[in-house]
């Protein structure tokens, strides 16, 4: 059974009148947590896309860049999106449920926050209200400001500082640089993301993150090579 079929089953199990947030109470253990991950990103993304006043086609299309959704299963994603937009519960309630579900899995909380950032900038503008939304999700997820800045640096061109992306100071030694890079490659590898509960359908998000880290590392190596006297 595909993840989208499992999502369809989860939605079908909702009692009439139950909000989408009730789904999380039914999906506490693997492999159903991969379903919860996908629903969380889409539900929070729907509310976040609305944060600046309107949902654009670019923001909706961002889901396609994060998730591979077969055409036959698109109605499931659309239903989650539309239910989240009309649910009387606020985004902070969803975020708290996700934080509780993945309380012992910080990396998954980071994965979800990164997916939301990708959706926020999909229309080419990072709105102040989106920033406020994402910073609050970051706080609820118990993630650090440094973590949030690194995520933004991977997505916003004007923040694309290679040291910020790798989470290192300019003074980092070559040894520290290499160790940090190897650690990030291991953590961000698509297979590792799948292993910690991120669905394979989100592999493109993992590949993008890894490519950004690789580029930052190569940029620093080239800069340091040029700085060495001949």
N, C-alpha and C. Protein backbone atom coordinates (compact mmCIF):
# COMPACT_ATOMS: atom_id res chain seq x y z
N UNK A 1 0.85 -1.19 0.00
CA UNK A 1 0.00 0.00 0.00
C UNK A 1 0.89 1.24 0.00
N UNK A 2 0.63 2.19 -0.92
CA UNK A 2 1.45 3.39 -0.99
C UNK A 2 1.11 4.33 0.17
N UNK A 3 2.01 5.30 0.39
CA UNK A 3 1.77 6.25 1.47
C UNK A 3 0.49 7.04 1.22
N UNK A 4 0.19 7.32 -0.05
CA UNK A 4 -1.01 8.10 -0.34
C UNK A 4 -2.28 7.28 -0.12
N UNK A 5 -2.18 5.98 -0.35
CA UNK A 5 -3.32 5.11 -0.02
C UNK A 5 -3.52 5.06 1.49
N UNK A 6 -2.41 5.02 2.24
CA UNK A 6 -2.52 5.02 3.71
C UNK A 6 -3.08 6.36 4.21
N UNK A 7 -2.69 7.45 3.53
CA UNK A 7 -3.25 8.75 3.89
C UNK A 7 -4.75 8.76 3.63
N UNK A 8 -5.16 8.19 2.50
CA UNK A 8 -6.58 8.10 2.19
C UNK A 8 -7.33 7.33 3.26
N UNK A 9 -6.73 6.24 3.73
CA UNK A 9 -7.36 5.44 4.79
C UNK A 9 -7.47 6.25 6.09
N UNK A 10 -6.40 7.01 6.39
CA UNK A 10 -6.40 7.81 7.62
C UNK A 10 -7.48 8.88 7.57
N UNK A 11 -7.65 9.50 6.41
CA UNK A 11 -8.69 10.52 6.27
C UNK A 11 -10.07 9.90 6.35
N UNK A 12 -10.21 8.71 5.76
CA UNK A 12 -11.50 8.03 5.78
C UNK A 12 -11.90 7.62 7.19
N UNK A 13 -10.89 7.41 8.06
CA UNK A 13 -11.16 6.97 9.43
C UNK A 13 -11.66 8.11 10.31
N UNK A 14 -11.55 9.34 9.83
CA UNK A 14 -12.04 10.47 10.62
C UNK A 14 -13.56 10.39 10.77
N UNK A 15 -14.01 10.60 11.99
CA UNK A 15 -15.45 10.65 12.23
C UNK A 15 -15.97 11.96 11.68
N UNK A 16 -17.20 11.93 11.15
CA UNK A 16 -17.79 13.15 10.59
C UNK A 16 -17.70 14.29 11.59
N UNK A 17 -17.16 15.41 11.12
CA UNK A 17 -17.06 16.57 11.99
C UNK A 17 -15.72 16.70 12.71
N UNK A 18 -14.92 15.61 12.71
CA UNK A 18 -13.60 15.69 13.35
C UNK A 18 -12.67 16.58 12.53
N UNK A 19 -11.85 17.37 13.20
CA UNK A 19 -10.88 18.19 12.47
C UNK A 19 -9.73 17.34 11.98
N UNK A 20 -8.99 17.86 11.02
CA UNK A 20 -7.83 17.14 10.49
C UNK A 20 -6.81 16.84 11.58
N UNK A 21 -6.72 17.72 12.56
CA UNK A 21 -5.74 17.53 13.63
C UNK A 21 -5.96 16.22 14.38
N UNK A 22 -7.18 15.67 14.33
CA UNK A 22 -7.47 14.41 15.03
C UNK A 22 -6.71 13.24 14.41
N UNK A 23 -6.28 13.40 13.15
CA UNK A 23 -5.55 12.32 12.48
C UNK A 23 -4.28 11.97 13.25
N UNK A 24 -3.61 12.98 13.81
CA UNK A 24 -2.33 12.75 14.46
C UNK A 24 -2.45 11.81 15.66
N UNK A 25 -3.63 11.82 16.29
CA UNK A 25 -3.83 10.94 17.44
C UNK A 25 -3.89 9.48 17.02
N UNK A 26 -4.13 9.25 15.72
CA UNK A 26 -4.28 7.88 15.23
C UNK A 26 -2.99 7.36 14.58
N UNK A 27 -1.96 8.20 14.51
CA UNK A 27 -0.76 7.85 13.74
C UNK A 27 0.50 8.02 14.59
N UNK A 28 0.57 7.35 15.70
CA UNK A 28 1.67 7.59 16.64
C UNK A 28 2.87 6.68 16.45
N UNK A 29 2.72 5.60 15.73
CA UNK A 29 3.82 4.63 15.64
C UNK A 29 4.22 4.37 14.18
N UNK A 30 5.50 3.98 13.96
CA UNK A 30 5.93 3.61 12.60
C UNK A 30 5.13 2.38 12.15
N UNK A 31 4.87 2.18 10.83
CA UNK A 31 5.25 3.10 9.75
C UNK A 31 4.28 4.25 9.55
N UNK A 32 3.24 4.31 10.39
CA UNK A 32 2.24 5.35 10.19
C UNK A 32 2.78 6.75 10.44
N UNK A 33 3.92 6.85 11.12
CA UNK A 33 4.49 8.18 11.33
C UNK A 33 4.94 8.82 10.02
N UNK A 34 5.25 8.02 9.01
CA UNK A 34 5.58 8.62 7.71
C UNK A 34 4.33 9.29 7.13
N UNK A 35 3.17 8.71 7.40
CA UNK A 35 1.92 9.33 6.99
C UNK A 35 1.72 10.62 7.76
N UNK A 36 2.00 10.59 9.06
CA UNK A 36 1.85 11.78 9.89
C UNK A 36 2.78 12.89 9.42
N UNK A 37 4.00 12.52 9.03
CA UNK A 37 4.96 13.51 8.53
C UNK A 37 4.39 14.23 7.33
N UNK A 38 3.89 13.48 6.36
CA UNK A 38 3.36 14.07 5.13
C UNK A 38 2.16 14.95 5.41
N UNK A 39 1.25 14.47 6.24
CA UNK A 39 0.06 15.26 6.56
C UNK A 39 0.46 16.54 7.29
N UNK A 40 1.46 16.44 8.18
CA UNK A 40 1.90 17.61 8.94
C UNK A 40 2.45 18.70 8.03
N UNK A 41 3.29 18.30 7.06
CA UNK A 41 3.87 19.29 6.16
C UNK A 41 2.79 19.95 5.32
N UNK A 42 1.86 19.17 4.81
CA UNK A 42 0.81 19.74 3.96
C UNK A 42 -0.14 20.61 4.79
N UNK A 43 -0.53 20.14 5.97
CA UNK A 43 -1.46 20.90 6.80
C UNK A 43 -0.84 22.20 7.29
N UNK A 44 0.38 22.12 7.82
CA UNK A 44 1.05 23.33 8.27
C UNK A 44 1.37 24.23 7.08
N UNK A 45 1.73 23.62 5.96
CA UNK A 45 2.02 24.40 4.76
C UNK A 45 0.79 25.15 4.26
N UNK A 46 -0.37 24.54 4.36
CA UNK A 46 -1.60 25.21 3.94
C UNK A 46 -1.85 26.45 4.78
N UNK A 47 -1.64 26.33 6.08
CA UNK A 47 -1.85 27.47 6.97
C UNK A 47 -0.76 28.52 6.77
N UNK A 48 0.47 28.06 6.54
CA UNK A 48 1.57 28.98 6.32
C UNK A 48 1.40 29.72 5.00
N UNK A 49 0.94 29.01 3.95
CA UNK A 49 0.72 29.64 2.66
C UNK A 49 -0.34 30.72 2.75
N UNK A 50 -1.22 30.59 3.72
CA UNK A 50 -2.28 31.57 3.92
C UNK A 50 -1.80 32.73 4.80
N UNK A 51 -0.63 32.59 5.41
CA UNK A 51 -0.16 33.57 6.38
C UNK A 51 0.01 34.96 5.79
N UNK A 52 0.38 35.05 4.50
CA UNK A 52 0.58 36.36 3.89
C UNK A 52 -0.68 36.86 3.20
N UNK A 53 -1.80 36.19 3.44
CA UNK A 53 -3.08 36.68 2.94
C UNK A 53 -3.66 35.94 1.76
N UNK A 54 -2.82 35.24 1.00
CA UNK A 54 -3.36 34.49 -0.13
C UNK A 54 -2.48 33.29 -0.45
N UNK A 55 -3.12 32.26 -0.97
CA UNK A 55 -2.41 31.05 -1.38
C UNK A 55 -2.18 31.14 -2.88
N UNK A 56 -0.92 31.14 -3.29
CA UNK A 56 -0.61 31.26 -4.71
C UNK A 56 -0.41 29.88 -5.34
N UNK A 57 -0.49 29.86 -6.65
CA UNK A 57 -0.25 28.60 -7.37
C UNK A 57 1.18 28.12 -7.14
N UNK A 58 2.10 29.07 -7.03
CA UNK A 58 3.50 28.70 -6.79
C UNK A 58 3.66 27.97 -5.47
N UNK A 59 2.92 28.43 -4.45
CA UNK A 59 3.02 27.78 -3.16
C UNK A 59 2.42 26.38 -3.20
N UNK A 60 1.31 26.24 -3.89
CA UNK A 60 0.71 24.91 -4.05
C UNK A 60 1.67 24.01 -4.83
N UNK A 61 2.27 24.58 -5.88
CA UNK A 61 3.20 23.80 -6.71
C UNK A 61 4.42 23.36 -5.91
N UNK A 62 4.73 24.10 -4.84
CA UNK A 62 5.89 23.74 -4.01
C UNK A 62 5.72 22.35 -3.41
N UNK A 63 4.46 21.97 -3.14
CA UNK A 63 4.23 20.63 -2.63
C UNK A 63 4.75 19.58 -3.61
N UNK A 64 4.61 19.90 -4.89
CA UNK A 64 5.05 18.94 -5.91
C UNK A 64 6.57 18.83 -5.93
N UNK A 65 7.26 19.90 -5.53
CA UNK A 65 8.72 19.84 -5.49
C UNK A 65 9.21 19.11 -4.25
N UNK A 66 8.39 19.09 -3.22
CA UNK A 66 8.77 18.40 -1.98
C UNK A 66 8.33 16.94 -2.03
N UNK A 67 7.12 16.72 -2.55
CA UNK A 67 6.58 15.37 -2.59
C UNK A 67 6.29 14.94 -4.03
N UNK A 68 6.55 13.67 -4.29
CA UNK A 68 6.16 13.07 -5.55
C UNK A 68 4.75 12.52 -5.37
N UNK A 69 3.79 13.18 -5.98
CA UNK A 69 2.39 12.79 -5.81
C UNK A 69 1.85 12.24 -7.12
N UNK A 70 1.56 10.95 -7.17
CA UNK A 70 0.96 10.40 -8.39
C UNK A 70 -0.35 11.11 -8.71
N UNK A 71 -0.63 11.28 -9.97
CA UNK A 71 -1.82 12.02 -10.37
C UNK A 71 -3.08 11.44 -9.75
N UNK A 72 -3.13 10.13 -9.66
CA UNK A 72 -4.33 9.48 -9.12
C UNK A 72 -4.53 9.80 -7.64
N UNK A 73 -3.43 10.17 -6.95
CA UNK A 73 -3.51 10.42 -5.50
C UNK A 73 -3.56 11.90 -5.15
N UNK A 74 -3.56 12.77 -6.14
CA UNK A 74 -3.59 14.20 -5.87
C UNK A 74 -4.81 14.63 -5.06
N UNK A 75 -5.98 13.98 -5.24
CA UNK A 75 -7.13 14.39 -4.42
C UNK A 75 -6.88 14.25 -2.92
N UNK A 76 -6.06 13.26 -2.51
CA UNK A 76 -5.76 13.12 -1.09
C UNK A 76 -5.01 14.34 -0.58
N UNK A 77 -3.97 14.76 -1.33
CA UNK A 77 -3.20 15.94 -0.92
C UNK A 77 -4.08 17.18 -0.91
N UNK A 78 -4.93 17.31 -1.93
CA UNK A 78 -5.81 18.47 -2.01
C UNK A 78 -6.79 18.49 -0.84
N UNK A 79 -7.26 17.32 -0.44
CA UNK A 79 -8.22 17.27 0.67
C UNK A 79 -7.56 17.71 1.98
N UNK A 80 -6.31 17.25 2.20
CA UNK A 80 -5.59 17.68 3.40
C UNK A 80 -5.42 19.19 3.40
N UNK A 81 -4.97 19.72 2.27
CA UNK A 81 -4.73 21.16 2.14
C UNK A 81 -6.01 21.94 2.45
N UNK A 82 -7.11 21.54 1.85
CA UNK A 82 -8.36 22.28 2.02
C UNK A 82 -8.93 22.13 3.43
N UNK A 83 -8.77 20.94 4.03
CA UNK A 83 -9.24 20.75 5.40
C UNK A 83 -8.44 21.62 6.37
N UNK A 84 -7.14 21.71 6.14
CA UNK A 84 -6.29 22.49 7.03
C UNK A 84 -6.65 23.97 6.95
N UNK A 85 -6.99 24.42 5.76
CA UNK A 85 -7.32 25.85 5.60
C UNK A 85 -8.61 26.23 6.33
N UNK A 86 -9.55 25.29 6.42
CA UNK A 86 -10.82 25.66 7.02
C UNK A 86 -10.98 25.19 8.46
N UNK A 87 -10.00 24.40 8.94
CA UNK A 87 -10.06 23.93 10.32
C UNK A 87 -9.98 25.13 11.27
N UNK A 88 -10.86 25.16 12.27
CA UNK A 88 -10.87 26.29 13.20
C UNK A 88 -9.61 26.33 14.06
N UNK A 89 -8.91 25.19 14.19
CA UNK A 89 -7.67 25.16 14.97
C UNK A 89 -6.58 25.97 14.30
N UNK A 90 -5.76 26.65 15.11
CA UNK A 90 -4.66 27.44 14.57
C UNK A 90 -3.47 26.58 14.21
N UNK A 91 -2.52 27.18 13.47
CA UNK A 91 -1.33 26.44 13.07
C UNK A 91 -0.52 26.00 14.27
N UNK A 92 -0.55 26.80 15.35
CA UNK A 92 0.24 26.46 16.53
C UNK A 92 -0.25 25.15 17.15
N UNK A 93 -1.56 24.87 17.03
CA UNK A 93 -2.07 23.62 17.55
C UNK A 93 -1.52 22.42 16.79
N UNK A 94 -1.47 22.54 15.45
CA UNK A 94 -0.87 21.49 14.63
C UNK A 94 0.59 21.31 15.00
N UNK A 95 1.30 22.44 15.13
CA UNK A 95 2.72 22.37 15.43
C UNK A 95 2.97 21.67 16.76
N UNK A 96 2.14 21.94 17.75
CA UNK A 96 2.32 21.29 19.06
C UNK A 96 2.06 19.79 18.97
N UNK A 97 1.06 19.41 18.19
CA UNK A 97 0.80 17.98 18.03
C UNK A 97 1.98 17.28 17.35
N UNK A 98 2.53 17.93 16.33
CA UNK A 98 3.69 17.37 15.65
C UNK A 98 4.88 17.30 16.60
N UNK A 99 5.07 18.35 17.39
CA UNK A 99 6.18 18.38 18.34
C UNK A 99 6.06 17.25 19.36
N UNK A 100 4.84 16.97 19.79
CA UNK A 100 4.63 15.87 20.74
C UNK A 100 4.89 14.52 20.07
N UNK A 101 4.39 14.37 18.86
CA UNK A 101 4.54 13.10 18.15
C UNK A 101 6.01 12.77 17.91
N UNK A 102 6.79 13.79 17.56
CA UNK A 102 8.20 13.58 17.24
C UNK A 102 9.10 14.20 18.32
N UNK A 103 8.66 14.14 19.57
CA UNK A 103 9.40 14.78 20.66
C UNK A 103 10.80 14.21 20.83
N UNK A 104 10.98 12.94 20.49
CA UNK A 104 12.29 12.30 20.66
C UNK A 104 13.05 12.21 19.33
N UNK A 105 12.60 12.96 18.31
CA UNK A 105 13.22 12.86 16.98
C UNK A 105 13.41 14.27 16.42
N UNK A 106 14.42 14.95 16.94
CA UNK A 106 14.68 16.33 16.53
C UNK A 106 14.88 16.46 15.03
N UNK A 107 15.57 15.49 14.43
CA UNK A 107 15.86 15.58 13.00
C UNK A 107 14.58 15.62 12.17
N UNK A 108 13.56 14.91 12.61
CA UNK A 108 12.29 14.92 11.87
C UNK A 108 11.64 16.30 12.00
N UNK A 109 11.72 16.90 13.19
CA UNK A 109 11.17 18.25 13.36
C UNK A 109 11.89 19.24 12.45
N UNK A 110 13.21 19.07 12.32
CA UNK A 110 13.98 19.92 11.41
C UNK A 110 13.53 19.70 9.97
N UNK A 111 13.32 18.43 9.59
CA UNK A 111 12.86 18.11 8.23
C UNK A 111 11.55 18.82 7.91
N UNK A 112 10.62 18.78 8.86
CA UNK A 112 9.32 19.39 8.65
C UNK A 112 9.45 20.91 8.52
N UNK A 113 10.25 21.52 9.39
CA UNK A 113 10.45 22.97 9.32
C UNK A 113 11.08 23.36 7.98
N UNK A 114 12.03 22.56 7.51
CA UNK A 114 12.66 22.87 6.23
C UNK A 114 11.65 22.79 5.08
N UNK A 115 10.76 21.82 5.13
CA UNK A 115 9.73 21.72 4.11
C UNK A 115 8.83 22.95 4.10
N UNK A 116 8.53 23.48 5.29
CA UNK A 116 7.70 24.68 5.38
C UNK A 116 8.41 25.90 4.82
N UNK A 117 9.71 26.00 5.08
CA UNK A 117 10.49 27.12 4.53
C UNK A 117 10.48 27.06 3.01
N UNK A 118 10.63 25.87 2.45
CA UNK A 118 10.61 25.71 1.00
C UNK A 118 9.30 26.18 0.40
N UNK A 119 8.20 25.91 1.10
CA UNK A 119 6.89 26.34 0.63
C UNK A 119 6.76 27.86 0.75
N UNK A 120 7.28 28.42 1.84
CA UNK A 120 7.16 29.86 2.08
C UNK A 120 7.80 30.69 0.98
N UNK A 121 8.93 30.24 0.46
CA UNK A 121 9.65 31.05 -0.53
C UNK A 121 9.33 30.64 -1.96
N UNK A 122 8.39 29.71 -2.13
CA UNK A 122 8.10 29.18 -3.47
C UNK A 122 7.57 30.25 -4.41
N UNK A 123 6.92 31.30 -3.88
CA UNK A 123 6.37 32.34 -4.75
C UNK A 123 7.37 33.46 -5.00
N UNK A 124 8.62 33.25 -4.56
CA UNK A 124 9.66 34.24 -4.82
C UNK A 124 9.73 35.36 -3.82
N UNK A 125 8.90 35.31 -2.79
CA UNK A 125 8.90 36.35 -1.77
C UNK A 125 8.82 35.72 -0.38
N UNK A 126 9.64 36.23 0.52
CA UNK A 126 9.60 35.75 1.90
C UNK A 126 8.93 36.84 2.72
N UNK A 127 7.64 36.65 2.96
CA UNK A 127 6.81 37.67 3.60
C UNK A 127 7.07 37.72 5.11
N UNK A 128 7.04 38.92 5.71
CA UNK A 128 7.24 39.03 7.16
C UNK A 128 6.29 38.16 7.98
N UNK A 129 5.06 38.01 7.50
CA UNK A 129 4.11 37.18 8.24
C UNK A 129 4.49 35.70 8.15
N UNK A 130 5.09 35.32 7.02
CA UNK A 130 5.59 33.94 6.90
C UNK A 130 6.76 33.73 7.86
N UNK A 131 7.60 34.74 7.97
CA UNK A 131 8.73 34.66 8.89
C UNK A 131 8.24 34.49 10.32
N UNK A 132 7.23 35.27 10.69
CA UNK A 132 6.66 35.17 12.04
C UNK A 132 6.09 33.77 12.27
N UNK A 133 5.36 33.27 11.29
CA UNK A 133 4.78 31.92 11.36
C UNK A 133 5.88 30.88 11.59
N UNK A 134 6.91 30.92 10.76
CA UNK A 134 7.96 29.90 10.81
C UNK A 134 8.78 29.99 12.09
N UNK A 135 9.02 31.19 12.58
CA UNK A 135 9.76 31.33 13.83
C UNK A 135 8.97 30.77 15.02
N UNK A 136 7.66 30.92 14.95
CA UNK A 136 6.83 30.35 16.02
C UNK A 136 6.83 28.83 15.95
N UNK A 137 6.76 28.27 14.73
CA UNK A 137 6.85 26.82 14.59
C UNK A 137 8.21 26.33 15.11
N UNK A 138 9.26 27.07 14.78
CA UNK A 138 10.60 26.73 15.26
C UNK A 138 10.63 26.69 16.78
N UNK A 139 10.00 27.69 17.42
CA UNK A 139 9.97 27.75 18.88
C UNK A 139 9.20 26.55 19.45
N UNK A 140 8.03 26.27 18.86
CA UNK A 140 7.21 25.15 19.34
C UNK A 140 7.95 23.83 19.16
N UNK A 141 8.70 23.71 18.05
CA UNK A 141 9.48 22.50 17.78
C UNK A 141 10.73 22.41 18.66
N UNK A 142 10.97 23.42 19.48
CA UNK A 142 12.13 23.45 20.38
C UNK A 142 13.44 23.36 19.60
N UNK A 143 13.50 24.10 18.50
CA UNK A 143 14.71 24.18 17.69
C UNK A 143 15.38 25.53 17.94
N UNK A 144 16.66 25.62 17.74
CA UNK A 144 17.40 26.84 18.05
C UNK A 144 17.30 27.87 16.93
N UNK A 145 17.59 29.12 17.28
CA UNK A 145 17.64 30.17 16.26
C UNK A 145 18.73 29.88 15.24
N UNK A 146 19.85 29.32 15.69
CA UNK A 146 20.93 28.97 14.77
C UNK A 146 20.45 27.95 13.74
N UNK A 147 19.69 26.98 14.19
CA UNK A 147 19.14 25.96 13.29
C UNK A 147 18.24 26.63 12.25
N UNK A 148 17.40 27.56 12.69
CA UNK A 148 16.49 28.24 11.78
C UNK A 148 17.26 29.07 10.75
N UNK A 149 18.32 29.75 11.20
CA UNK A 149 19.12 30.56 10.27
C UNK A 149 19.80 29.68 9.22
N UNK A 150 20.26 28.50 9.63
CA UNK A 150 20.90 27.59 8.68
C UNK A 150 19.91 27.12 7.62
N UNK A 151 18.68 26.85 8.05
CA UNK A 151 17.65 26.43 7.10
C UNK A 151 17.36 27.55 6.11
N UNK A 152 17.20 28.77 6.62
CA UNK A 152 16.94 29.91 5.74
C UNK A 152 18.10 30.11 4.77
N UNK A 153 19.32 29.95 5.26
CA UNK A 153 20.50 30.15 4.41
C UNK A 153 20.52 29.16 3.25
N UNK A 154 19.93 27.99 3.45
CA UNK A 154 19.91 26.99 2.38
C UNK A 154 18.87 27.32 1.31
N UNK A 155 17.97 28.27 1.61
CA UNK A 155 16.86 28.53 0.69
C UNK A 155 16.79 29.96 0.17
N UNK A 156 17.32 30.93 0.92
CA UNK A 156 17.23 32.32 0.50
C UNK A 156 18.54 32.76 -0.14
N UNK A 157 18.53 33.17 -1.40
CA UNK A 157 19.76 33.56 -2.10
C UNK A 157 20.55 34.64 -1.37
N UNK A 158 19.85 35.63 -0.79
CA UNK A 158 20.57 36.74 -0.15
C UNK A 158 21.14 36.35 1.21
N UNK A 159 20.87 35.12 1.66
CA UNK A 159 21.45 34.65 2.92
C UNK A 159 22.41 33.49 2.67
N UNK A 160 22.78 33.29 1.42
CA UNK A 160 23.53 32.10 1.06
C UNK A 160 25.00 32.21 1.45
N UNK A 161 25.26 32.28 2.73
CA UNK A 161 26.61 32.30 3.28
C UNK A 161 27.04 30.85 3.48
N UNK A 162 28.09 30.39 2.81
CA UNK A 162 28.47 28.97 2.93
C UNK A 162 28.78 28.55 4.36
N UNK A 163 29.34 29.45 5.15
CA UNK A 163 29.63 29.12 6.55
C UNK A 163 28.35 28.99 7.36
N UNK A 164 27.37 29.86 7.06
CA UNK A 164 26.08 29.79 7.74
C UNK A 164 25.39 28.48 7.38
N UNK A 165 25.46 28.09 6.12
CA UNK A 165 24.82 26.85 5.67
C UNK A 165 25.39 25.64 6.42
N UNK A 166 26.70 25.65 6.63
CA UNK A 166 27.34 24.53 7.32
C UNK A 166 27.30 24.69 8.84
N UNK A 167 26.90 25.86 9.32
CA UNK A 167 26.84 26.08 10.75
C UNK A 167 28.21 26.20 11.38
N UNK A 168 29.12 26.91 10.69
CA UNK A 168 30.50 27.07 11.16
C UNK A 168 30.89 28.54 11.18
N UNK A 169 31.80 28.93 12.09
CA UNK A 169 32.33 30.30 12.08
C UNK A 169 33.41 30.41 11.01
N UNK A 170 33.71 31.63 10.61
CA UNK A 170 34.77 31.86 9.63
C UNK A 170 36.10 31.32 10.11
N UNK A 171 36.28 31.28 11.43
CA UNK A 171 37.55 30.86 12.00
C UNK A 171 37.71 29.34 12.09
N UNK A 172 36.73 28.58 11.61
CA UNK A 172 36.79 27.12 11.72
C UNK A 172 38.04 26.59 11.01
N UNK A 173 38.68 25.64 11.64
CA UNK A 173 39.87 25.03 11.04
C UNK A 173 39.48 24.12 9.88
N UNK A 174 40.45 23.76 9.07
CA UNK A 174 40.19 22.83 7.97
C UNK A 174 39.67 21.50 8.49
N UNK A 175 40.21 21.08 9.63
CA UNK A 175 39.76 19.82 10.23
C UNK A 175 38.31 19.92 10.67
N UNK A 176 37.95 21.05 11.33
CA UNK A 176 36.56 21.25 11.76
C UNK A 176 35.63 21.30 10.55
N UNK A 177 36.09 21.93 9.49
CA UNK A 177 35.29 22.04 8.26
C UNK A 177 35.00 20.65 7.69
N UNK A 178 36.02 19.84 7.60
CA UNK A 178 35.86 18.51 7.03
C UNK A 178 34.95 17.64 7.90
N UNK A 179 35.12 17.72 9.22
CA UNK A 179 34.31 16.91 10.13
C UNK A 179 32.85 17.33 10.06
N UNK A 180 32.62 18.66 10.02
CA UNK A 180 31.24 19.17 9.95
C UNK A 180 30.59 18.75 8.64
N UNK A 181 31.32 18.85 7.57
CA UNK A 181 30.79 18.47 6.26
C UNK A 181 30.40 16.99 6.25
N UNK A 182 31.29 16.13 6.74
CA UNK A 182 30.99 14.70 6.73
C UNK A 182 29.77 14.39 7.59
N UNK A 183 29.65 15.07 8.72
CA UNK A 183 28.50 14.85 9.59
C UNK A 183 27.20 15.25 8.89
N UNK A 184 27.21 16.42 8.21
CA UNK A 184 26.02 16.88 7.52
C UNK A 184 25.65 15.98 6.36
N UNK A 185 26.63 15.53 5.60
CA UNK A 185 26.36 14.62 4.48
C UNK A 185 25.69 13.35 4.99
N UNK A 186 26.18 12.84 6.10
CA UNK A 186 25.59 11.62 6.66
C UNK A 186 24.16 11.89 7.11
N UNK A 187 23.94 13.03 7.80
CA UNK A 187 22.62 13.33 8.34
C UNK A 187 21.61 13.68 7.26
N UNK A 188 22.07 14.35 6.20
CA UNK A 188 21.16 14.83 5.17
C UNK A 188 20.99 13.87 4.00
N UNK A 189 21.71 12.77 4.02
CA UNK A 189 21.59 11.83 2.92
C UNK A 189 20.14 11.33 2.82
N UNK A 190 19.60 11.28 1.60
CA UNK A 190 18.20 10.85 1.44
C UNK A 190 17.87 9.53 2.14
N UNK A 191 18.80 8.58 2.10
CA UNK A 191 18.53 7.28 2.75
C UNK A 191 18.37 7.44 4.25
N UNK A 192 19.14 8.36 4.84
CA UNK A 192 19.04 8.61 6.27
C UNK A 192 17.69 9.24 6.61
N UNK A 193 17.23 10.13 5.74
CA UNK A 193 15.94 10.77 5.98
C UNK A 193 14.81 9.74 5.94
N UNK A 194 14.88 8.84 4.97
CA UNK A 194 13.87 7.78 4.89
C UNK A 194 13.92 6.91 6.14
N UNK A 195 15.13 6.62 6.60
CA UNK A 195 15.30 5.77 7.78
C UNK A 195 14.69 6.39 9.03
N UNK A 196 14.66 7.71 9.12
CA UNK A 196 14.10 8.34 10.31
C UNK A 196 12.63 8.74 10.15
N UNK A 197 11.99 8.25 9.09
CA UNK A 197 10.55 8.41 8.98
C UNK A 197 10.08 9.40 7.95
N UNK A 198 11.02 10.00 7.19
CA UNK A 198 10.63 10.88 6.10
C UNK A 198 10.28 9.99 4.90
N UNK A 199 9.09 10.15 4.32
CA UNK A 199 8.70 9.25 3.24
C UNK A 199 9.59 9.38 2.01
N UNK A 200 9.73 8.29 1.29
CA UNK A 200 10.54 8.30 0.07
C UNK A 200 10.01 9.33 -0.93
N UNK A 201 8.72 9.62 -0.85
CA UNK A 201 8.12 10.61 -1.76
C UNK A 201 8.71 12.00 -1.55
N UNK A 202 9.39 12.22 -0.41
CA UNK A 202 10.00 13.52 -0.13
C UNK A 202 11.49 13.53 -0.45
N UNK A 203 11.94 12.58 -1.22
CA UNK A 203 13.37 12.45 -1.52
C UNK A 203 13.93 13.71 -2.18
N UNK A 204 13.14 14.39 -2.99
CA UNK A 204 13.66 15.57 -3.69
C UNK A 204 14.07 16.66 -2.70
N UNK A 205 13.35 16.79 -1.59
CA UNK A 205 13.73 17.76 -0.58
C UNK A 205 15.10 17.41 0.00
N UNK A 206 15.32 16.11 0.24
CA UNK A 206 16.60 15.66 0.78
C UNK A 206 17.73 15.91 -0.21
N UNK A 207 17.47 15.65 -1.47
CA UNK A 207 18.50 15.84 -2.49
C UNK A 207 18.89 17.32 -2.62
N UNK A 208 17.89 18.20 -2.50
CA UNK A 208 18.16 19.64 -2.59
C UNK A 208 19.02 20.09 -1.41
N UNK A 209 18.69 19.61 -0.22
CA UNK A 209 19.45 19.99 0.97
C UNK A 209 20.90 19.53 0.84
N UNK A 210 21.09 18.31 0.38
CA UNK A 210 22.43 17.77 0.26
C UNK A 210 23.23 18.54 -0.78
N UNK A 211 22.59 18.90 -1.88
CA UNK A 211 23.27 19.66 -2.93
C UNK A 211 23.73 21.02 -2.42
N UNK A 212 22.91 21.66 -1.59
CA UNK A 212 23.26 22.96 -1.04
C UNK A 212 24.47 22.86 -0.13
N UNK A 213 24.52 21.81 0.69
CA UNK A 213 25.66 21.60 1.58
C UNK A 213 26.92 21.31 0.77
N UNK A 214 26.80 20.49 -0.26
CA UNK A 214 27.95 20.19 -1.11
C UNK A 214 28.51 21.45 -1.75
N UNK A 215 27.61 22.30 -2.25
CA UNK A 215 28.04 23.54 -2.88
C UNK A 215 28.73 24.47 -1.89
N UNK A 216 28.17 24.56 -0.68
CA UNK A 216 28.78 25.42 0.35
C UNK A 216 30.17 24.93 0.70
N UNK A 217 30.34 23.63 0.84
CA UNK A 217 31.64 23.06 1.17
C UNK A 217 32.66 23.34 0.07
N UNK A 218 32.26 23.13 -1.18
CA UNK A 218 33.16 23.37 -2.30
C UNK A 218 33.53 24.85 -2.40
N UNK A 219 32.58 25.73 -2.13
CA UNK A 219 32.85 27.17 -2.17
C UNK A 219 33.91 27.56 -1.14
N UNK A 220 33.78 27.03 0.07
CA UNK A 220 34.75 27.34 1.12
C UNK A 220 36.13 26.79 0.76
N UNK A 221 36.16 25.57 0.23
CA UNK A 221 37.45 24.99 -0.17
C UNK A 221 38.14 25.85 -1.22
N UNK A 222 37.36 26.33 -2.20
CA UNK A 222 37.94 27.16 -3.25
C UNK A 222 38.42 28.50 -2.70
N UNK A 223 37.64 29.08 -1.79
CA UNK A 223 38.04 30.34 -1.19
C UNK A 223 39.34 30.20 -0.39
N UNK A 224 39.45 29.10 0.34
CA UNK A 224 40.65 28.89 1.14
C UNK A 224 41.86 28.56 0.26
N UNK A 225 41.61 27.89 -0.82
CA UNK A 225 42.70 27.58 -1.74
C UNK A 225 43.27 28.85 -2.35
N UNK A 226 42.37 29.78 -2.71
CA UNK A 226 42.82 31.04 -3.30
C UNK A 226 43.56 31.90 -2.28
N UNK A 227 43.20 31.76 -1.00
CA UNK A 227 43.80 32.58 0.05
C UNK A 227 45.20 32.12 0.43
N UNK A 228 45.59 30.91 0.03
CA UNK A 228 46.91 30.38 0.36
C UNK A 228 47.95 31.03 -0.56
N UNK A 229 48.99 31.64 0.00
CA UNK A 229 50.03 32.29 -0.83
C UNK A 229 50.69 31.27 -1.76
N UNK A 230 50.97 31.68 -2.96
CA UNK A 230 51.62 30.78 -3.94
C UNK A 230 53.05 30.50 -3.52
